Protein backbone atom coordinates (compact mmCIF):
# COMPACT_ATOMS: atom_id res chain seq x y z
CA MET A 1 -61.28 32.18 83.98
CA GLU A 2 -59.84 29.33 86.04
CA ALA A 3 -61.57 30.71 89.13
CA ILE A 4 -64.97 30.64 87.43
CA PHE A 5 -64.81 26.91 86.86
CA THR A 6 -62.93 25.90 89.98
CA SER A 7 -66.25 25.96 91.81
CA ARG A 8 -67.46 23.22 89.49
CA ILE A 9 -64.76 20.87 90.72
CA LYS A 10 -65.43 19.78 94.28
CA ALA A 11 -62.46 19.19 96.52
CA GLU A 12 -63.19 15.99 98.44
CA SER A 13 -60.55 16.81 100.96
CA ALA A 14 -57.88 19.49 101.01
CA LEU A 15 -55.62 17.14 102.94
CA SER A 16 -55.92 14.22 100.57
CA SER A 17 -55.80 16.48 97.48
CA VAL A 18 -58.62 14.72 95.66
CA LEU A 19 -60.70 16.54 93.05
CA GLU A 20 -63.94 15.34 91.52
CA THR A 21 -65.29 15.75 88.02
CA ASP A 22 -67.46 13.61 85.74
CA HIS A 23 -65.30 14.12 82.66
CA LEU A 24 -61.49 14.09 82.69
CA ILE A 25 -59.68 14.57 79.39
CA ILE A 26 -55.98 13.73 79.19
CA GLY A 27 -54.44 15.89 76.47
CA ALA A 28 -55.30 19.32 75.10
CA GLY A 29 -54.41 18.79 71.44
CA PRO A 30 -56.95 18.62 68.59
CA ALA A 31 -58.57 15.46 69.99
CA GLY A 32 -58.81 16.51 73.63
CA ALA A 33 -59.65 20.16 73.07
CA SER A 34 -62.31 19.42 70.44
CA LEU A 35 -63.82 16.74 72.69
CA ALA A 36 -64.09 19.31 75.47
CA CYS A 37 -65.84 21.69 73.04
CA PHE A 38 -68.30 19.05 71.85
CA LEU A 39 -69.10 17.83 75.37
CA ALA A 40 -69.66 21.45 76.39
CA GLN A 41 -72.13 21.82 73.49
CA HIS A 42 -74.30 19.32 75.36
CA GLY A 43 -74.04 21.23 78.64
CA LEU A 44 -71.41 18.94 80.17
CA ASN A 45 -68.36 20.26 82.01
CA GLY A 46 -65.15 18.77 83.32
CA VAL A 47 -61.39 19.03 83.46
CA MET A 48 -58.77 18.82 80.72
CA ILE A 49 -55.11 18.33 81.65
CA ALA A 50 -51.97 18.38 79.54
CA ALA A 51 -48.33 17.76 80.38
CA ALA A 52 -47.22 20.55 78.03
CA PRO A 53 -46.91 24.09 79.43
CA GLY A 54 -49.43 25.37 76.88
CA THR A 55 -50.92 24.75 73.47
CA ALA A 56 -48.77 23.48 70.58
CA ASP A 57 -45.47 25.30 70.14
CA THR A 58 -44.86 23.99 66.60
CA PRO A 59 -47.33 23.90 63.68
CA ARG A 60 -47.55 20.10 63.20
CA ALA A 61 -50.97 19.37 61.63
CA HIS A 62 -52.25 22.06 59.28
CA ILE A 63 -54.70 20.95 56.57
CA THR A 64 -58.24 21.28 57.93
CA ASN A 65 -60.69 19.52 55.65
CA MET A 66 -64.40 19.78 55.04
CA ALA A 67 -65.39 16.93 57.34
CA ALA A 68 -63.64 18.48 60.34
CA LEU A 69 -64.88 21.98 59.57
CA GLU A 70 -68.45 20.67 59.47
CA CYS A 71 -68.00 19.49 63.06
CA LEU A 72 -66.64 22.87 64.14
CA ARG A 73 -69.38 24.63 62.18
CA ASP A 74 -71.94 22.88 64.40
CA ILE A 75 -70.61 24.64 67.50
CA GLY A 76 -70.11 28.01 65.82
CA LEU A 77 -66.33 27.83 65.39
CA GLU A 78 -66.00 27.51 61.63
CA GLU A 79 -66.02 31.25 61.00
CA GLU A 80 -63.30 31.89 63.59
CA CYS A 81 -61.18 29.04 62.23
CA VAL A 82 -61.52 30.21 58.62
CA LYS A 83 -60.68 33.77 59.62
CA ALA A 84 -57.50 32.60 61.38
CA ALA A 85 -56.51 30.19 58.60
CA THR A 86 -54.76 30.63 55.30
CA LYS A 87 -57.44 30.43 52.66
CA GLY A 88 -57.66 27.66 50.11
CA ASP A 89 -56.42 29.75 47.17
CA ASN A 90 -53.00 29.81 48.83
CA MET A 91 -53.10 26.00 48.66
CA THR A 92 -53.59 25.94 44.89
CA HIS A 93 -50.69 23.68 43.98
CA THR A 94 -48.26 21.08 45.20
CA ARG A 95 -44.98 21.34 43.28
CA TRP A 96 -41.80 19.37 42.60
CA CYS A 97 -38.77 21.55 42.07
CA ARG A 98 -34.98 21.79 42.40
CA SER A 99 -35.33 24.56 44.98
CA MET A 100 -37.91 27.10 46.06
CA ALA A 101 -36.22 29.74 43.89
CA GLY A 102 -35.08 27.36 41.15
CA GLU A 103 -36.47 25.36 38.27
CA GLU A 104 -39.75 23.51 38.58
CA PHE A 105 -40.20 19.89 37.49
CA ALA A 106 -43.97 19.46 37.86
CA ARG A 107 -47.03 20.64 39.75
CA ILE A 108 -50.52 19.38 40.54
CA TYR A 109 -53.65 21.19 41.67
CA SER A 110 -54.49 20.35 45.27
CA TRP A 111 -57.11 20.58 48.03
CA GLY A 112 -60.12 21.23 45.81
CA ASN A 113 -58.46 23.80 43.55
CA ASP A 114 -58.48 21.68 40.40
CA PRO A 115 -61.11 23.22 38.08
CA ALA A 116 -61.99 19.70 36.88
CA ARG A 117 -62.76 18.56 40.45
CA LYS A 118 -64.25 21.68 42.00
CA GLY A 119 -67.85 20.60 41.37
CA GLU A 120 -67.35 17.39 43.34
CA TYR A 121 -65.97 19.32 46.31
CA ASP A 122 -68.83 21.82 46.16
CA ALA A 123 -71.33 18.94 46.10
CA ALA A 124 -69.75 17.26 49.13
CA SER A 125 -69.95 20.01 51.75
CA PRO A 126 -70.77 23.64 52.50
CA CYS A 127 -67.21 23.99 53.84
CA ASN A 128 -63.89 24.39 52.06
CA HIS A 129 -60.36 23.26 52.90
CA VAL A 130 -58.15 25.73 54.74
CA ASP A 131 -54.60 25.65 56.08
CA LEU A 132 -54.87 26.05 59.85
CA PRO A 133 -51.66 25.17 61.72
CA GLN A 134 -52.04 23.40 65.04
CA THR A 135 -50.46 26.41 66.77
CA VAL A 136 -53.49 28.43 65.67
CA LEU A 137 -56.22 25.80 65.96
CA GLU A 138 -55.49 24.63 69.50
CA PRO A 139 -55.88 28.05 71.19
CA ILE A 140 -59.25 28.50 69.45
CA LEU A 141 -60.47 25.15 70.75
CA VAL A 142 -59.06 25.55 74.26
CA ARG A 143 -60.52 29.02 74.66
CA HIS A 144 -63.95 27.81 73.53
CA ALA A 145 -63.78 24.88 75.95
CA THR A 146 -62.83 27.07 78.91
CA LEU A 147 -65.59 29.55 78.14
CA ASN A 148 -68.16 26.77 78.07
CA GLY A 149 -67.49 24.58 81.06
CA PHE A 150 -64.06 22.96 81.04
CA SER A 151 -61.23 23.86 83.39
CA VAL A 152 -57.85 23.42 81.67
CA ARG A 153 -54.68 22.59 83.60
CA PHE A 154 -51.43 22.66 81.68
CA ASP A 155 -48.10 21.47 83.15
CA THR A 156 -50.02 18.53 84.60
CA THR A 157 -48.88 14.99 83.85
CA PHE A 158 -51.10 11.91 83.86
CA LEU A 159 -49.39 9.17 85.88
CA SER A 160 -51.90 6.33 86.13
CA TYR A 161 -55.48 5.46 86.96
CA SER A 162 -57.11 2.97 89.30
CA ARG A 163 -60.64 2.11 90.39
CA ASP A 164 -62.16 2.27 93.84
CA PRO A 165 -64.57 -0.46 95.07
CA SER A 166 -67.54 1.39 93.55
CA GLY A 167 -65.91 1.42 90.12
CA THR A 168 -65.13 5.14 90.17
CA LEU A 169 -61.93 6.01 88.33
CA ILE A 170 -59.14 7.52 90.42
CA THR A 171 -56.64 9.28 88.18
CA HIS A 172 -53.20 10.07 89.58
CA VAL A 173 -51.57 13.22 88.23
CA ARG A 174 -48.61 15.47 88.96
CA ASP A 175 -48.42 19.24 88.91
CA ASN A 176 -45.13 19.82 87.07
CA LEU A 177 -44.62 23.26 88.59
CA THR A 178 -44.79 22.14 92.22
CA ASN A 179 -44.12 18.40 91.77
CA GLN A 180 -47.19 17.83 93.92
CA GLU A 181 -49.10 14.65 93.08
CA TYR A 182 -52.84 14.52 93.55
CA GLN A 183 -55.87 12.53 92.49
CA ILE A 184 -58.92 13.26 90.37
CA LYS A 185 -62.05 11.16 90.83
CA THR A 186 -63.91 10.89 87.59
CA LYS A 187 -66.76 9.00 85.99
CA TYR A 188 -65.26 9.05 82.49
CA LEU A 189 -61.62 9.14 81.43
CA TYR A 190 -60.61 10.18 77.90
CA GLY A 191 -57.15 9.30 76.60
CA CYS A 192 -56.32 12.04 74.10
CA ASP A 193 -52.64 12.04 75.04
CA GLY A 194 -51.07 11.54 71.65
CA ALA A 195 -48.73 9.03 70.06
CA ARG A 196 -47.02 8.16 73.36
CA SER A 197 -50.33 7.67 75.14
CA GLN A 198 -49.92 6.53 78.73
CA VAL A 199 -53.64 5.79 78.91
CA ILE A 200 -53.44 3.30 76.03
CA ARG A 201 -50.33 1.78 77.55
CA GLN A 202 -51.99 1.18 80.92
CA LEU A 203 -55.17 -0.12 79.30
CA GLY A 204 -53.06 -2.64 77.44
CA ILE A 205 -55.08 -2.32 74.25
CA PRO A 206 -53.13 -4.12 71.49
CA LEU A 207 -51.79 -2.00 68.65
CA ILE A 208 -51.89 -3.18 65.05
CA LYS A 209 -48.48 -2.23 63.68
CA LYS A 210 -46.99 -2.38 60.22
CA PRO A 211 -43.34 -1.57 59.45
CA GLY A 212 -42.75 2.18 59.48
CA GLN A 213 -41.16 4.16 56.69
CA GLY A 214 -38.25 5.58 58.63
CA LEU A 215 -37.24 8.88 60.15
CA ALA A 216 -38.23 12.44 59.25
CA ILE A 217 -36.83 15.71 60.56
CA ASN A 218 -38.96 18.85 60.96
CA ILE A 219 -37.05 22.12 60.62
CA LEU A 220 -39.19 25.15 61.41
CA ALA A 221 -37.67 28.27 59.87
CA GLU A 222 -38.34 31.90 59.08
CA ALA A 223 -37.48 33.08 55.59
CA ASP A 224 -39.32 35.70 53.56
CA LEU A 225 -40.05 34.00 50.23
CA SER A 226 -42.94 36.24 49.19
CA HIS A 227 -41.11 37.47 46.08
CA ILE A 228 -40.47 33.86 45.04
CA LEU A 229 -44.06 32.61 45.47
CA GLU A 230 -45.72 35.04 43.08
CA TYR A 231 -45.73 32.40 40.33
CA ARG A 232 -45.37 29.37 42.56
CA LYS A 233 -48.47 29.58 44.74
CA GLY A 234 -49.03 26.52 46.90
CA ASN A 235 -48.59 25.26 50.44
CA LEU A 236 -46.52 22.15 49.69
CA HIS A 237 -43.30 22.05 47.68
CA TRP A 238 -41.24 18.87 47.18
CA VAL A 239 -37.60 19.89 46.72
CA MET A 240 -35.42 17.28 45.03
CA GLN A 241 -31.89 17.67 43.64
CA PRO A 242 -31.17 14.42 41.81
CA ASP A 243 -28.04 15.54 39.97
CA GLU A 244 -26.37 17.07 43.03
CA GLU A 245 -24.59 15.73 46.09
CA TYR A 246 -26.61 15.72 49.29
CA PRO A 247 -26.08 14.63 52.89
CA VAL A 248 -27.65 11.24 53.59
CA TRP A 249 -29.89 12.78 56.27
CA GLY A 250 -31.10 15.50 53.87
CA TRP A 251 -32.09 13.53 50.75
CA SER A 252 -35.24 15.59 49.99
CA THR A 253 -37.78 17.80 51.70
CA ILE A 254 -41.37 18.94 51.66
CA VAL A 255 -41.33 22.70 52.17
CA ARG A 256 -44.63 23.39 53.87
CA MET A 257 -46.14 26.83 54.23
CA VAL A 258 -46.91 27.75 57.84
CA LYS A 259 -47.56 31.48 57.44
CA PRO A 260 -47.56 32.91 53.93
CA TRP A 261 -44.94 33.55 52.90
CA HIS A 262 -42.38 33.91 55.67
CA GLU A 263 -42.67 30.88 57.98
CA TRP A 264 -41.98 27.37 56.72
CA MET A 265 -41.68 23.81 57.89
CA PHE A 266 -38.98 21.84 56.07
CA ILE A 267 -39.98 18.19 56.46
CA VAL A 268 -36.67 16.56 55.63
CA PHE A 269 -36.32 12.90 54.65
CA PRO A 270 -33.09 10.89 54.81
CA PHE A 271 -32.20 8.66 51.86
CA PRO A 272 -34.69 5.73 51.94
CA GLY A 273 -33.47 2.98 54.22
CA ALA A 274 -30.51 4.96 55.53
CA GLU A 275 -29.53 4.67 59.20
CA ILE A 276 -28.75 8.03 60.75
CA GLU A 277 -26.31 7.62 63.63
CA THR A 278 -25.06 11.18 63.99
CA PHE A 279 -27.40 14.10 63.57
CA PRO A 280 -26.39 17.41 61.99
CA THR A 281 -25.30 20.55 63.79
CA HIS A 282 -27.35 23.73 63.70
CA ASP A 283 -25.06 25.12 60.99
CA GLU A 284 -25.51 22.00 58.88
CA TYR A 285 -29.29 22.25 59.16
CA LEU A 286 -29.07 25.91 58.20
CA GLN A 287 -26.88 25.18 55.19
CA ARG A 288 -29.25 22.50 53.91
CA VAL A 289 -32.29 24.75 54.33
CA LYS A 290 -30.53 27.44 52.28
CA GLN A 291 -29.81 24.86 49.59
CA PHE A 292 -33.49 23.91 49.55
CA ILE A 293 -34.46 27.59 49.20
CA GLY A 294 -31.91 28.10 46.43
CA ASP A 295 -31.33 31.82 47.03
CA TYR A 296 -28.47 32.29 49.49
CA SER A 297 -29.14 36.02 49.82
CA ILE A 298 -32.36 35.39 51.74
CA PRO A 299 -31.86 35.53 55.54
CA VAL A 300 -32.94 32.30 57.28
CA LYS A 301 -33.62 31.77 60.98
CA ILE A 302 -34.16 28.26 62.33
CA LEU A 303 -36.83 28.30 65.06
CA ASP A 304 -37.05 24.62 65.97
CA VAL A 305 -35.80 21.17 64.99
CA SER A 306 -37.62 17.94 65.89
CA LYS A 307 -37.49 14.33 64.77
CA TRP A 308 -40.33 11.84 64.28
CA TYR A 309 -40.89 8.39 62.85
CA ILE A 310 -43.28 7.54 60.03
CA ASN A 311 -45.66 5.09 61.71
CA GLU A 312 -48.51 2.87 60.53
CA ILE A 313 -50.24 2.00 63.81
CA VAL A 314 -53.85 1.71 64.91
CA ALA A 315 -55.35 0.40 68.16
CA GLU A 316 -57.47 -2.75 67.96
CA SER A 317 -60.20 -0.97 69.91
CA TYR A 318 -60.76 2.54 71.20
CA SER A 319 -62.48 1.96 74.53
CA GLU A 320 -62.77 -0.18 77.60
CA GLY A 321 -65.64 0.39 79.99
CA ASN A 322 -65.84 4.07 80.79
CA ILE A 323 -62.37 4.85 79.38
CA PHE A 324 -62.26 6.12 75.80
CA CYS A 325 -59.21 6.85 73.66
CA LEU A 326 -59.12 8.95 70.52
CA GLY A 327 -56.84 10.93 68.26
CA ASP A 328 -53.17 10.08 67.85
CA ALA A 329 -53.41 7.83 70.91
CA VAL A 330 -55.17 5.30 68.69
CA HIS A 331 -54.10 6.11 65.11
CA ARG A 332 -50.56 7.13 64.15
CA HIS A 333 -49.47 7.88 60.62
CA PRO A 334 -47.58 10.39 58.46
CA PRO A 335 -49.23 13.73 57.59
CA ILE A 336 -49.82 12.69 53.98
CA ASN A 337 -53.42 13.40 52.84
CA GLY A 338 -53.79 15.84 55.75
CA LEU A 339 -55.92 13.40 57.74
CA GLY A 340 -54.40 13.70 61.23
CA SER A 341 -56.10 16.42 63.24
CA ASN A 342 -59.20 16.08 61.04
CA THR A 343 -59.66 12.49 62.17
CA CYS A 344 -59.07 13.53 65.80
CA ILE A 345 -61.86 16.10 65.60
CA GLN A 346 -64.25 13.60 64.00
CA ASP A 347 -63.44 10.99 66.67
CA ALA A 348 -64.47 13.53 69.30
CA TYR A 349 -67.62 14.58 67.45
CA ASN A 350 -68.75 10.96 67.19
CA LEU A 351 -68.19 10.28 70.89
CA ALA A 352 -69.53 13.46 72.50
CA TRP A 353 -73.24 13.08 71.69
CA LYS A 354 -73.20 9.45 72.82
CA ILE A 355 -71.67 10.40 76.17
CA ALA A 356 -74.20 13.22 76.57
CA TYR A 357 -77.24 11.10 75.74
CA THR A 358 -76.05 8.38 78.10
CA GLU A 359 -75.33 10.84 80.92
CA LYS A 360 -78.73 12.49 80.56
CA GLY A 361 -80.52 9.15 80.70
CA LEU A 362 -81.70 9.45 77.11
CA ALA A 363 -79.79 6.36 76.00
CA SER A 364 -78.53 3.11 77.46
CA PRO A 365 -74.79 2.89 78.23
CA THR A 366 -74.70 0.26 75.46
CA LEU A 367 -74.79 3.18 72.99
CA LEU A 368 -71.18 3.88 73.98
CA ASN A 369 -70.11 0.54 72.48
CA SER A 370 -70.72 2.02 69.04
CA PHE A 371 -67.85 4.50 69.38
CA SER A 372 -65.07 1.98 68.81
CA LEU A 373 -67.14 -0.04 66.32
CA GLU A 374 -67.62 3.05 64.16
CA ARG A 375 -64.36 4.93 64.53
CA GLN A 376 -61.76 2.13 64.68
CA PRO A 377 -62.36 1.10 61.05
CA VAL A 378 -62.05 4.76 60.07
CA GLY A 379 -58.73 5.01 61.92
CA HIS A 380 -57.50 1.85 60.25
CA GLY A 381 -58.39 3.27 56.85
CA VAL A 382 -56.69 6.58 57.63
CA ILE A 383 -53.35 5.09 58.66
CA THR A 384 -53.42 2.82 55.60
CA ARG A 385 -54.21 5.68 53.21
CA ALA A 386 -51.66 8.08 54.70
CA ASN A 387 -48.85 5.56 54.42
CA GLN A 388 -49.91 4.52 50.92
CA GLY A 389 -50.03 8.21 50.06
CA LEU A 390 -46.34 8.49 50.90
CA ARG A 391 -45.57 5.37 48.86
CA ASP A 392 -47.53 6.88 45.95
CA HIS A 393 -44.71 9.41 45.57
CA ALA A 394 -42.12 6.74 44.75
CA PRO A 395 -42.85 6.76 40.97
CA VAL A 396 -42.10 10.50 40.92
CA TRP A 397 -38.84 9.92 42.78
CA GLU A 398 -37.93 7.13 40.37
CA ALA A 399 -38.74 9.23 37.30
CA LEU A 400 -36.50 12.02 38.59
CA GLY A 401 -33.71 9.53 39.32
CA MET A 402 -33.80 10.12 43.07
CA LEU A 403 -33.74 6.50 44.23
CA ASP A 404 -30.12 5.65 43.35
CA ASP A 405 -27.35 6.31 45.85
CA ASP A 406 -24.79 6.58 43.02
CA LEU A 407 -24.55 10.20 41.83
CA SER A 408 -23.44 9.25 38.33
CA ILE A 409 -26.51 7.05 37.85
CA ARG A 410 -28.81 9.78 39.20
CA ARG A 411 -27.29 12.30 36.80
CA LYS A 412 -27.74 9.91 33.87
CA LYS A 413 -31.40 9.25 34.69
CA PHE A 414 -32.17 12.91 35.32
CA ALA A 415 -30.49 13.90 32.05
CA GLU A 416 -32.78 11.49 30.19
CA LEU A 417 -35.71 13.78 31.01
CA SER A 418 -34.21 16.30 28.57
CA ALA A 419 -33.22 13.80 25.89
CA THR A 420 -34.96 13.42 22.52
CA THR A 421 -34.62 9.67 22.75
CA PRO A 422 -36.97 6.75 23.41
CA GLU A 423 -35.52 6.61 26.94
CA GLY A 424 -36.29 10.29 27.40
CA MET A 425 -39.85 9.88 26.15
CA LYS A 426 -40.37 6.96 28.50
CA ARG A 427 -38.99 8.82 31.52
CA ARG A 428 -41.11 11.91 30.83
CA ALA A 429 -44.18 9.70 30.58
CA GLN A 430 -43.19 8.06 33.89
CA LEU A 431 -42.97 11.49 35.51
CA MET A 432 -46.37 12.51 34.19
CA GLU A 433 -47.98 9.28 35.42
CA GLY A 434 -46.16 9.51 38.75
CA VAL A 435 -47.49 13.00 39.39
CA LYS A 436 -50.99 11.88 38.40
CA GLY A 437 -50.72 9.08 40.94
CA THR A 438 -50.38 11.60 43.76
CA GLU A 439 -53.92 12.85 43.11
CA HIS A 440 -54.93 10.20 45.67
CA GLU A 441 -53.38 12.54 48.21
CA PHE A 442 -54.33 15.92 46.79
CA HIS A 443 -57.83 15.22 45.39
CA ALA A 444 -58.92 12.61 47.95
CA VAL A 445 -62.41 13.91 48.69
CA GLY A 446 -63.55 10.29 48.89
CA VAL A 447 -61.25 9.24 51.71
CA GLU A 448 -62.18 12.41 53.59
CA MET A 449 -65.95 12.03 53.27
CA ASN A 450 -66.80 8.36 52.64
CA GLN A 451 -66.88 7.09 56.22
CA ARG A 452 -69.37 4.27 56.68
CA TYR A 453 -70.58 3.41 60.16
CA ILE A 454 -71.83 -0.06 61.05
CA SER A 455 -73.10 -0.49 64.60
CA LYS A 456 -76.33 -0.78 66.60
CA ALA A 457 -76.48 3.03 66.50
CA VAL A 458 -77.41 2.64 62.82
CA TYR A 459 -80.76 0.99 61.95
CA LEU A 460 -80.58 -1.22 58.85
CA GLU A 461 -83.78 -3.28 59.10
CA ASN A 462 -85.62 -3.37 55.76
CA GLU A 463 -82.59 -1.98 53.91
CA GLU A 464 -81.19 -3.83 50.92
CA SER A 465 -77.47 -4.51 50.65
CA ARG A 466 -75.44 -1.37 50.55
CA PRO A 467 -74.46 -0.21 47.06
CA PRO A 468 -70.73 -0.41 46.38
CA LEU A 469 -68.53 2.63 46.84
CA PRO A 470 -67.33 4.47 43.73
CA GLU A 471 -64.77 2.63 41.62
CA ASP A 472 -62.08 4.79 43.19
CA PRO A 473 -63.35 5.50 46.74
CA VAL A 474 -60.24 7.53 47.59
CA LEU A 475 -60.80 10.07 44.84
CA HIS A 476 -64.59 10.18 44.71
CA HIS A 477 -67.27 10.86 47.31
CA GLU A 478 -70.37 8.67 47.47
CA ILE A 479 -73.37 10.92 48.10
CA THR A 480 -76.02 8.72 49.68
CA THR A 481 -78.57 8.58 52.48
CA TYR A 482 -77.93 4.88 53.13
CA PRO A 483 -77.87 4.53 56.95
CA GLY A 484 -74.39 4.87 58.36
CA SER A 485 -73.38 7.54 55.79
CA ARG A 486 -72.97 11.24 56.38
CA LEU A 487 -76.03 13.33 55.57
CA PRO A 488 -75.72 14.70 52.02
CA HIS A 489 -75.16 18.42 51.65
CA ALA A 490 -77.56 20.43 49.51
CA TRP A 491 -78.26 24.16 49.52
CA VAL A 492 -81.86 25.06 50.39
CA ASN A 493 -83.72 28.33 50.82
CA THR A 494 -87.03 29.75 51.96
CA ARG A 495 -89.87 30.46 49.51
CA VAL A 496 -89.05 34.16 49.67
CA PRO A 497 -85.26 33.89 49.33
CA GLY A 498 -83.20 34.66 52.38
CA LYS A 499 -79.83 33.37 53.50
CA GLN A 500 -79.03 30.02 51.96
CA LEU A 501 -78.71 27.09 54.34
CA SER A 502 -77.16 23.69 53.87
CA THR A 503 -78.99 20.55 54.89
CA ILE A 504 -75.91 20.10 57.09
CA ASP A 505 -76.88 23.27 58.98
CA LEU A 506 -80.41 21.98 59.60
CA ALA A 507 -79.04 18.86 61.31
CA GLY A 508 -76.75 18.57 64.32
CA HIS A 509 -77.00 21.06 67.20
CA GLY A 510 -76.84 18.14 69.63
CA LYS A 511 -80.19 16.71 68.50
CA PHE A 512 -81.69 14.09 66.25
CA SER A 513 -83.36 15.48 63.15
CA LEU A 514 -85.87 14.12 60.67
CA PHE A 515 -86.08 15.21 57.03
CA THR A 516 -89.22 14.75 54.95
CA GLY A 517 -91.08 16.51 52.15
CA ILE A 518 -94.49 16.93 50.52
CA GLY A 519 -96.90 14.39 51.97
CA GLY A 520 -94.66 13.71 54.95
CA GLU A 521 -96.66 15.65 57.56
CA ALA A 522 -97.36 12.47 59.52
CA TRP A 523 -93.62 12.01 60.07
CA LYS A 524 -93.46 15.41 61.75
CA VAL A 525 -96.32 14.53 64.06
CA ALA A 526 -94.65 11.18 64.79
CA ALA A 527 -91.33 12.88 65.60
CA GLU A 528 -93.03 15.14 68.11
CA GLU A 529 -94.85 12.21 69.76
CA VAL A 530 -91.77 9.98 69.89
CA GLY A 531 -89.55 12.77 71.14
CA ARG A 532 -92.02 13.55 73.92
CA SER A 533 -92.23 9.90 74.96
CA LEU A 534 -88.43 9.54 75.05
CA GLY A 535 -87.80 12.89 76.72
CA LEU A 536 -85.79 14.37 73.86
CA GLU A 537 -86.27 16.62 70.85
CA ILE A 538 -86.31 15.39 67.27
CA MET A 539 -86.04 18.41 64.98
CA THR A 540 -88.10 18.13 61.79
CA HIS A 541 -87.52 19.74 58.40
CA SER A 542 -89.66 19.51 55.30
CA ILE A 543 -87.95 20.27 52.01
CA GLY A 544 -89.78 20.75 48.71
CA TRP A 545 -92.30 22.85 46.83
CA CYS A 546 -94.02 25.27 49.25
CA GLN A 547 -92.45 23.50 52.25
CA GLU A 548 -90.37 25.04 55.05
CA TYR A 549 -87.37 24.94 52.77
CA GLU A 550 -87.25 25.08 49.00
CA ASP A 551 -85.01 22.72 47.08
CA VAL A 552 -84.04 25.58 44.74
CA TYR A 553 -81.35 23.68 42.82
CA PHE A 554 -83.18 20.33 43.05
CA ASP A 555 -79.99 18.88 44.52
CA TRP A 556 -81.83 17.46 47.53
CA ALA A 557 -84.29 15.68 45.23
CA ARG A 558 -81.34 14.10 43.40
CA ARG A 559 -79.49 13.13 46.58
CA ARG A 560 -82.14 12.10 49.12
CA GLU A 561 -82.80 8.61 47.59
CA ILE A 562 -86.33 8.52 49.08
CA GLU A 563 -89.76 9.58 47.90
CA GLU A 564 -91.06 13.03 48.80
CA ASN A 565 -93.23 11.56 51.57
CA GLY A 566 -90.48 9.36 53.01
CA CYS A 567 -88.16 10.38 55.82
CA ILE A 568 -84.50 10.40 56.78
CA LEU A 569 -83.56 10.23 60.47
CA VAL A 570 -80.22 11.88 61.22
CA ARG A 571 -78.12 11.47 64.38
CA PRO A 572 -76.70 14.44 66.30
CA ASP A 573 -73.36 13.86 64.54
CA ARG A 574 -75.13 14.31 61.17
CA PHE A 575 -74.84 10.68 60.11
CA VAL A 576 -77.94 9.00 58.75
CA ALA A 577 -79.41 6.70 61.39
CA TRP A 578 -82.36 5.30 59.41
CA ARG A 579 -84.62 6.10 56.48
CA SER A 580 -88.04 5.14 55.21
CA LYS A 581 -88.27 5.45 51.46
CA GLU A 582 -91.94 6.39 51.59
CA MET A 583 -94.78 7.05 54.00
CA ILE A 584 -95.88 3.97 55.94
CA SER A 585 -98.84 3.19 58.15
CA GLY A 586 -98.04 3.28 61.84
CA CYS A 587 -95.17 5.67 61.22
CA ALA A 588 -95.05 6.79 64.89
CA GLU A 589 -94.72 3.20 66.10
CA LYS A 590 -91.95 2.55 63.58
CA LEU A 591 -90.06 5.70 64.50
CA GLN A 592 -90.36 4.81 68.19
CA LYS A 593 -88.93 1.34 67.49
CA VAL A 594 -86.05 2.80 65.49
CA MET A 595 -85.16 5.41 68.08
CA LYS A 596 -85.22 2.92 70.95
CA SER A 597 -83.03 0.54 68.97
CA ILE A 598 -80.46 3.24 68.20
CA LEU A 599 -80.40 4.47 71.79
CA GLY A 600 -80.28 0.95 73.23
CA LEU A 601 -83.51 1.39 75.18
């Protein structure tokens, strides 16, 4: 496979060891690999390098949400990802318990499995949450990228970049197998190199930092717990032992399913605020894992131990000139809410079409300025929500008595949960409210789907002020066609029923699309004329009675927020670019003006 694409990279000189490519991606994780896939969708090719010897060797990110799956669905990867993932019904609950085999304190439905919330999830997207560990996702993305135009070089470290007199980027890299250093000339450089990003460091982009929440230890282990999980189905299990002694480094853990039900990640937290000077031995890790499992007869094998810090960091901007940074390079946070790799994928999806349109001469380079303007606020919101999500667990810890370092006090508080006293009633109510408070992590369809873009790539002329978000924008999704919002999902069909399609499926595919209905024929003619004049295709879709697509559930009529003869213009990344609430005279001239404004022409 490497040989097929080597011909696409021109060696300037064998002696000077300089390669050339238009697109150089640093990092092959979810951000870099998905960016390569999305650029390839537009017919672009390039090189992706990574210092690691291969794709992820530990599971790391795992929740893949609807917003990210919609992006992968656009390039035909959703089915493969869902097939490789653990399905949503294995993610039914998050639990709090003494041990995996022991007594249970509380549980909450999670990731769209709450019967009371299922309708809101179904209304938000044609996709469903799955558990797809990074060890499984990355090979899918990398393989797709290599099959569609990107050469991938592992064991290759980014050292620095410079510019020649013409402004071309010269990237200095090292082959870690031979220690040979060489250069890659590139038009665009993409920093997708994770939380220790060298690209961000050299760019000198300031980072907005808030105090972190301490250390966490990941212990990856094999242990067959299938007989235990029959009545405890879920992919996240908080294990807390308030009335027992514990090592200061092993205060509590989230036991996270990696492969049901025999591979697990124990995300271990030290006592809050504790300084860990000496780390445990392998045997001490093993002993604590067995305590968390609660059944000492079960064989346990530790596969890996790693340490990380709970950060709350976002870059002030994501780009400078023709250098763009995305993923963990620009937003760093705990895995709470499962927003990490999902945000990386959406960063890449936002950027790829803008690069492609600019490269093909369909848009002005000023379009690229919208990437940071649109995605940086999203990143800021993500790191804030993820860290608040962790803090949201504190009332549960307090109700269980976990926050005291004195064992006798912990035992007293925990015993109150069983007492038929006013103190017992109060503590049980605290536990119930504390668990309810975590729904902002486990039912957060709003924070996953409510992104609002404000930039010149969104046309707001003639729009009134944007309606406010729902009262609780973390829990609830705002379905709207207001420009800068994601296109609403609605199932549609043909007059003679065939396979159902989502409005999401009609949009995307690397193109602008225009939605109209009965009486909107002039918009379709206008789209063809404007597309021809700009040298691009604007796909058109008419939805309604006896139209191309039937609004069989009338969901589109309820969600479109325009008259039947109005139109909604959707960008290639399926965000609404502009809308006209009804038919207007001179619709072709207006559409031309809108398109040129969005594209910076």
